PDB file of N, CA and C in Angstrom:
ATOM      1  N   MET A   1     -26.708  -8.719  99.650  1.00  0.00           N
ATOM      2  CA  MET A   1     -26.759  -7.285  99.863  1.00  0.00           C
ATOM      3  C   MET A   1     -25.325  -6.782  99.943  1.00  0.00           C
ATOM      4  N   LYS A   2     -25.096  -5.622  99.376  1.00  0.00           N
ATOM      5  CA  LYS A   2     -23.775  -5.003  99.402  1.00  0.00           C
ATOM      6  C   LYS A   2     -23.809  -3.804 100.347  1.00  0.00           C
ATOM      7  N   LEU A   3     -22.704  -3.591 101.059  1.00  0.00           N
ATOM      8  CA  LEU A   3     -22.613  -2.461 101.982  1.00  0.00           C
ATOM      9  C   LEU A   3     -22.675  -1.152 101.209  1.00  0.00           C
ATOM     10  N   GLN A   4     -23.615  -0.304 101.565  1.00  0.00           N
ATOM     11  CA  GLN A   4     -23.774   1.013 100.938  1.00  0.00           C
ATOM     12  C   GLN A   4     -22.758   1.959 101.573  1.00  0.00           C
ATOM     13  N   LYS A   5     -21.797   2.422 100.774  1.00  0.00           N
ATOM     14  CA  LYS A   5     -20.760   3.310 101.303  1.00  0.00           C
ATOM     15  C   LYS A   5     -20.938   4.753 100.857  1.00  0.00           C
ATOM     16  N   LYS A   6     -21.806   4.985  99.896  1.00  0.00           N
ATOM     17  CA  LYS A   6     -22.094   6.352  99.462  1.00  0.00           C
ATOM     18  C   LYS A   6     -23.186   6.926 100.349  1.00  0.00           C
ATOM     19  N   ALA A   7     -23.211   8.249 100.458  1.00  0.00           N
ATOM     20  CA  ALA A   7     -24.243   8.919 101.253  1.00  0.00           C
ATOM     21  C   ALA A   7     -25.618   8.425 100.816  1.00  0.00           C
ATOM     22  N   ASN A   8     -26.430   8.001 101.789  1.00  0.00           N
ATOM     23  CA  ASN A   8     -27.716   7.386 101.464  1.00  0.00           C
ATOM     24  C   ASN A   8     -28.823   7.856 102.410  1.00  0.00           C
ATOM     25  N   ILE A   9     -28.556   8.876 103.209  1.00  0.00           N
ATOM     26  CA  ILE A   9     -29.541   9.367 104.176  1.00  0.00           C
ATOM     27  C   ILE A   9     -30.098  10.692 103.663  1.00  0.00           C
ATOM     28  N   PRO A  10     -31.405  10.737 103.412  1.00  0.00           N
ATOM     29  CA  PRO A  10     -31.992  12.020 103.021  1.00  0.00           C
ATOM     30  C   PRO A  10     -31.809  13.036 104.153  1.00  0.00           C
ATOM     31  N   ASP A  11     -31.495  14.249 103.805  1.00  0.00           N
ATOM     32  CA  ASP A  11     -31.326  15.330 104.785  1.00  0.00           C
ATOM     33  C   ASP A  11     -30.322  14.929 105.865  1.00  0.00           C
ATOM     34  N   GLN A  12     -29.121  14.619 105.424  1.00  0.00           N
ATOM     35  CA  GLN A  12     -28.066  14.119 106.313  1.00  0.00           C
ATOM     36  C   GLN A  12     -27.780  15.063 107.482  1.00  0.00           C
ATOM     37  N   ASP A  13     -27.758  16.355 107.215  1.00  0.00           N
ATOM     38  CA  ASP A  13     -27.462  17.313 108.280  1.00  0.00           C
ATOM     39  C   ASP A  13     -28.507  17.262 109.388  1.00  0.00           C
ATOM     40  N   SER A  14     -29.763  17.104 109.007  1.00  0.00           N
ATOM     41  CA  SER A  14     -30.841  17.024 109.984  1.00  0.00           C
ATOM     42  C   SER A  14     -30.713  15.750 110.822  1.00  0.00           C
ATOM     43  N   PHE A  15     -30.363  14.637 110.173  1.00  0.00           N
ATOM     44  CA  PHE A  15     -30.167  13.389 110.921  1.00  0.00           C
ATOM     45  C   PHE A  15     -29.003  13.523 111.890  1.00  0.00           C
ATOM     46  N   TYR A  16     -27.905  14.108 111.429  1.00  0.00           N
ATOM     47  CA  TYR A  16     -26.739  14.281 112.298  1.00  0.00           C
ATOM     48  C   TYR A  16     -27.121  15.122 113.513  1.00  0.00           C
ATOM     49  N   GLN A  17     -27.884  16.183 113.288  1.00  0.00           N
ATOM     50  CA  GLN A  17     -28.315  17.036 114.403  1.00  0.00           C
ATOM     51  C   GLN A  17     -29.214  16.256 115.364  1.00  0.00           C
ATOM     52  N   GLU A  18     -30.102  15.439 114.826  1.00  0.00           N
ATOM     53  CA  GLU A  18     -30.977  14.618 115.669  1.00  0.00           C
ATOM     54  C   GLU A  18     -30.155  13.638 116.513  1.00  0.00           C
ATOM     55  N   LEU A  19     -29.126  13.048 115.900  1.00  0.00           N
ATOM     56  CA  LEU A  19     -28.243  12.135 116.623  1.00  0.00           C
ATOM     57  C   LEU A  19     -27.516  12.856 117.759  1.00  0.00           C
ATOM     58  N   ILE A  20     -26.977  14.022 117.484  1.00  0.00           N
ATOM     59  CA  ILE A  20     -26.284  14.816 118.501  1.00  0.00           C
ATOM     60  C   ILE A  20     -27.262  15.223 119.605  1.00  0.00           C
ATOM     61  N   ASP A  21     -28.434  15.703 119.219  1.00  0.00           N
ATOM     62  CA  ASP A  21     -29.436  16.131 120.200  1.00  0.00           C
ATOM     63  C   ASP A  21     -29.899  14.980 121.082  1.00  0.00           C
ATOM     64  N   SER A  22     -29.950  13.770 120.524  1.00  0.00           N
ATOM     65  CA  SER A  22     -30.437  12.621 121.301  1.00  0.00           C
ATOM     66  C   SER A  22     -29.487  12.268 122.444  1.00  0.00           C
ATOM     67  N   GLN A  23     -28.254  12.763 122.377  1.00  0.00           N
ATOM     68  CA  GLN A  23     -27.277  12.453 123.418  1.00  0.00           C
ATOM     69  C   GLN A  23     -26.929  13.665 124.284  1.00  0.00           C
ATOM     70  N   ARG A  24     -27.527  14.781 123.954  1.00  0.00           N
ATOM     71  CA  ARG A  24     -27.261  15.995 124.731  1.00  0.00           C
ATOM     72  C   ARG A  24     -27.697  15.779 126.182  1.00  0.00           C
ATOM     73  N   GLY A  25     -26.816  16.100 127.091  1.00  0.00           N
ATOM     74  CA  GLY A  25     -27.129  15.964 128.511  1.00  0.00           C
ATOM     75  C   GLY A  25     -26.842  14.590 129.088  1.00  0.00           C
ATOM     76  N   LEU A  26     -26.476  13.639 128.238  1.00  0.00           N
ATOM     77  CA  LEU A  26     -26.142  12.310 128.737  1.00  0.00           C
ATOM     78  C   LEU A  26     -24.690  12.293 129.208  1.00  0.00           C
ATOM     79  N   SER A  27     -24.418  11.466 130.201  1.00  0.00           N
ATOM     80  CA  SER A  27     -23.030  11.259 130.601  1.00  0.00           C
ATOM     81  C   SER A  27     -22.317  10.519 129.458  1.00  0.00           C
ATOM     82  N   ASP A  28     -20.995  10.513 129.469  1.00  0.00           N
ATOM     83  CA  ASP A  28     -20.249   9.775 128.454  1.00  0.00           C
ATOM     84  C   ASP A  28     -20.629   8.298 128.477  1.00  0.00           C
ATOM     85  N   GLU A  29     -20.809   7.759 129.667  1.00  0.00           N
ATOM     86  CA  GLU A  29     -21.174   6.341 129.789  1.00  0.00           C
ATOM     87  C   GLU A  29     -22.557   6.077 129.186  1.00  0.00           C
ATOM     88  N   ASP A  30     -23.533   6.936 129.499  1.00  0.00           N
ATOM     89  CA  ASP A  30     -24.881   6.750 128.957  1.00  0.00           C
ATOM     90  C   ASP A  30     -24.892   6.931 127.437  1.00  0.00           C
ATOM     91  N   ALA A  31     -24.105   7.869 126.928  1.00  0.00           N
ATOM     92  CA  ALA A  31     -24.016   8.066 125.475  1.00  0.00           C
ATOM     93  C   ALA A  31     -23.392   6.836 124.815  1.00  0.00           C
ATOM     94  N   SER A  32     -22.390   6.247 125.450  1.00  0.00           N
ATOM     95  CA  SER A  32     -21.773   5.032 124.909  1.00  0.00           C
ATOM     96  C   SER A  32     -22.758   3.873 124.895  1.00  0.00           C
ATOM     97  N   VAL A  33     -23.539   3.735 125.962  1.00  0.00           N
ATOM     98  CA  VAL A  33     -24.556   2.683 126.021  1.00  0.00           C
ATOM     99  C   VAL A  33     -25.590   2.907 124.917  1.00  0.00           C
ATOM    100  N   MET A  34     -26.015   4.145 124.741  1.00  0.00           N
ATOM    101  CA  MET A  34     -26.987   4.455 123.685  1.00  0.00           C
ATOM    102  C   MET A  34     -26.416   4.104 122.316  1.00  0.00           C
ATOM    103  N   ASN A  35     -25.143   4.448 122.074  1.00  0.00           N
ATOM    104  CA  ASN A  35     -24.522   4.130 120.789  1.00  0.00           C
ATOM    105  C   ASN A  35     -24.469   2.625 120.560  1.00  0.00           C
ATOM    106  N   CYS A  36     -24.151   1.863 121.594  1.00  0.00           N
ATOM    107  CA  CYS A  36     -24.124   0.404 121.471  1.00  0.00           C
ATOM    108  C   CYS A  36     -25.509  -0.144 121.143  1.00  0.00           C
ATOM    109  N   LYS A  37     -26.520   0.361 121.822  1.00  0.00           N
ATOM    110  CA  LYS A  37     -27.895  -0.088 121.545  1.00  0.00           C
ATOM    111  C   LYS A  37     -28.299   0.263 120.116  1.00  0.00           C
ATOM    112  N   LEU A  38     -27.913   1.455 119.665  1.00  0.00           N
ATOM    113  CA  LEU A  38     -28.237   1.877 118.305  1.00  0.00           C
ATOM    114  C   LEU A  38     -27.567   0.971 117.279  1.00  0.00           C
ATOM    115  N   VAL A  39     -26.302   0.624 117.514  1.00  0.00           N
ATOM    116  CA  VAL A  39     -25.592  -0.280 116.610  1.00  0.00           C
ATOM    117  C   VAL A  39     -26.297  -1.631 116.545  1.00  0.00           C
ATOM    118  N   ILE A  40     -26.685  -2.173 117.688  1.00  0.00           N
ATOM    119  CA  ILE A  40     -27.359  -3.474 117.712  1.00  0.00           C
ATOM    120  C   ILE A  40     -28.712  -3.411 116.994  1.00  0.00           C
ATOM    121  N   LEU A  41     -29.480  -2.351 117.234  1.00  0.00           N
ATOM    122  CA  LEU A  41     -30.773  -2.205 116.553  1.00  0.00           C
ATOM    123  C   LEU A  41     -30.599  -2.133 115.036  1.00  0.00           C
ATOM    124  N   LEU A  42     -29.642  -1.334 114.587  1.00  0.00           N
ATOM    125  CA  LEU A  42     -29.427  -1.186 113.149  1.00  0.00           C
ATOM    126  C   LEU A  42     -28.829  -2.450 112.534  1.00  0.00           C
ATOM    127  N   ALA A  43     -27.939  -3.120 113.271  1.00  0.00           N
ATOM    128  CA  ALA A  43     -27.378  -4.378 112.779  1.00  0.00           C
ATOM    129  C   ALA A  43     -28.479  -5.420 112.620  1.00  0.00           C
ATOM    130  N   ASN A  44     -29.376  -5.487 113.585  1.00  0.00           N
ATOM    131  CA  ASN A  44     -30.496  -6.412 113.485  1.00  0.00           C
ATOM    132  C   ASN A  44     -31.378  -6.073 112.286  1.00  0.00           C
ATOM    133  N   HIS A  45     -31.579  -4.797 112.041  1.00  0.00           N
ATOM    134  CA  HIS A  45     -32.391  -4.368 110.902  1.00  0.00           C
ATOM    135  C   HIS A  45     -31.730  -4.784 109.585  1.00  0.00           C
ATOM    136  N   ILE A  46     -30.407  -4.628 109.493  1.00  0.00           N
ATOM    137  CA  ILE A  46     -29.677  -5.015 108.284  1.00  0.00           C
ATOM    138  C   ILE A  46     -29.707  -6.528 108.125  1.00  0.00           C
ATOM    139  N   GLY A  47     -29.304  -7.231 109.168  1.00  0.00           N
ATOM    140  CA  GLY A  47     -29.428  -8.680 109.208  1.00  0.00           C
ATOM    141  C   GLY A  47     -28.471  -9.479 108.340  1.00  0.00           C
ATOM    142  N   ASP A  48     -27.764  -8.877 107.449  1.00  0.00           N
ATOM    143  CA  ASP A  48     -26.864  -9.588 106.539  1.00  0.00           C
ATOM    144  C   ASP A  48     -25.475  -9.658 107.171  1.00  0.00           C
ATOM    145  N   ARG A  49     -25.054 -10.876 107.562  1.00  0.00           N
ATOM    146  CA  ARG A  49     -23.779 -11.035 108.277  1.00  0.00           C
ATOM    147  C   ARG A  49     -22.585 -10.570 107.454  1.00  0.00           C
ATOM    148  N   GLY A  50     -22.618 -10.783 106.156  1.00  0.00           N
ATOM    149  CA  GLY A  50     -21.519 -10.333 105.308  1.00  0.00           C
ATOM    150  C   GLY A  50     -21.378  -8.818 105.336  1.00  0.00           C
ATOM    151  N   VAL A  51     -22.493  -8.138 105.218  1.00  0.00           N
ATOM    152  CA  VAL A  51     -22.502  -6.674 105.259  1.00  0.00           C
ATOM    153  C   VAL A  51     -22.029  -6.185 106.625  1.00  0.00           C
ATOM    154  N   LEU A  52     -22.516  -6.814 107.673  1.00  0.00           N
ATOM    155  CA  LEU A  52     -22.129  -6.407 109.022  1.00  0.00           C
ATOM    156  C   LEU A  52     -20.642  -6.637 109.265  1.00  0.00           C
ATOM    157  N   SER A  53     -20.112  -7.758 108.791  1.00  0.00           N
ATOM    158  CA  SER A  53     -18.682  -8.026 108.947  1.00  0.00           C
ATOM    159  C   SER A  53     -17.840  -7.009 108.187  1.00  0.00           C
ATOM    160  N   GLU A  54     -18.272  -6.668 106.975  1.00  0.00           N
ATOM    161  CA  GLU A  54     -17.556  -5.654 106.191  1.00  0.00           C
ATOM    162  C   GLU A  54     -17.589  -4.307 106.895  1.00  0.00           C
ATOM    163  N   ALA A  55     -18.737  -3.942 107.443  1.00  0.00           N
ATOM    164  CA  ALA A  55     -18.859  -2.664 108.157  1.00  0.00           C
ATOM    165  C   ALA A  55     -17.948  -2.636 109.386  1.00  0.00           C
ATOM    166  N   LEU A  56     -17.884  -3.758 110.117  1.00  0.00           N
ATOM    167  CA  LEU A  56     -16.991  -3.828 111.269  1.00  0.00           C
ATOM    168  C   LEU A  56     -15.537  -3.642 110.852  1.00  0.00           C
ATOM    169  N   ARG A  57     -15.143  -4.300 109.761  1.00  0.00           N
ATOM    170  CA  ARG A  57     -13.762  -4.151 109.278  1.00  0.00           C
ATOM    171  C   ARG A  57     -13.469  -2.711 108.885  1.00  0.00           C
ATOM    172  N   LEU A  58     -14.393  -2.078 108.173  1.00  0.00           N
ATOM    173  CA  LEU A  58     -14.174  -0.705 107.711  1.00  0.00           C
ATOM    174  C   LEU A  58     -14.177   0.301 108.852  1.00  0.00           C
ATOM    175  N   ALA A  59     -14.961   0.038 109.881  1.00  0.00           N
ATOM    176  CA  ALA A  59     -15.063   0.971 111.009  1.00  0.00           C
ATOM    177  C   ALA A  59     -13.915   0.824 112.001  1.00  0.00           C
ATOM    178  N   SER A  60     -13.242  -0.301 111.973  1.00  0.00           N
ATOM    179  CA  SER A  60     -12.187  -0.559 112.940  1.00  0.00           C
ATOM    180  C   SER A  60     -10.975   0.341 112.725  1.00  0.00           C
ATOM    181  N   PRO A  61     -10.415   0.897 113.803  1.00  0.00           N
ATOM    182  CA  PRO A  61      -9.193   1.687 113.656  1.00  0.00           C
ATOM    183  C   PRO A  61      -8.010   0.805 113.242  1.00  0.00           C
ATOM    184  N   LYS A  62      -8.176  -0.517 113.342  1.00  0.00           N
ATOM    185  CA  LYS A  62      -7.129  -1.474 112.956  1.00  0.00           C
ATOM    186  C   LYS A  62      -7.432  -2.057 111.583  1.00  0.00           C
ATOM    187  N   LYS A  63      -7.969  -1.233 110.671  1.00  0.00           N
ATOM    188  CA  LYS A  63      -8.341  -1.726 109.330  1.00  0.00           C
ATOM    189  C   LYS A  63      -7.192  -2.472 108.681  1.00  0.00           C
ATOM    190  N   ASN A  64      -7.529  -3.555 107.986  1.00  0.00           N
ATOM    191  CA  ASN A  64      -6.521  -4.322 107.247  1.00  0.00           C
ATOM    192  C   ASN A  64      -6.445  -3.820 105.833  1.00  0.00           C
TER     193      ASN A  64
END
């Protein structure tokens, strides 16, 4: 599997709004915990270690 880097979410604006709304009213700590849980759930769904490693490299502020 190759990491999909092009927009691939139908109705992206609606998803972004849902993501923002899901954290409305949460403390910064609770929002961070939710984001971590979301990353783990989605990583498990993807399941491909190569793809996950590439995504980690691309997301890191210390990109090589």
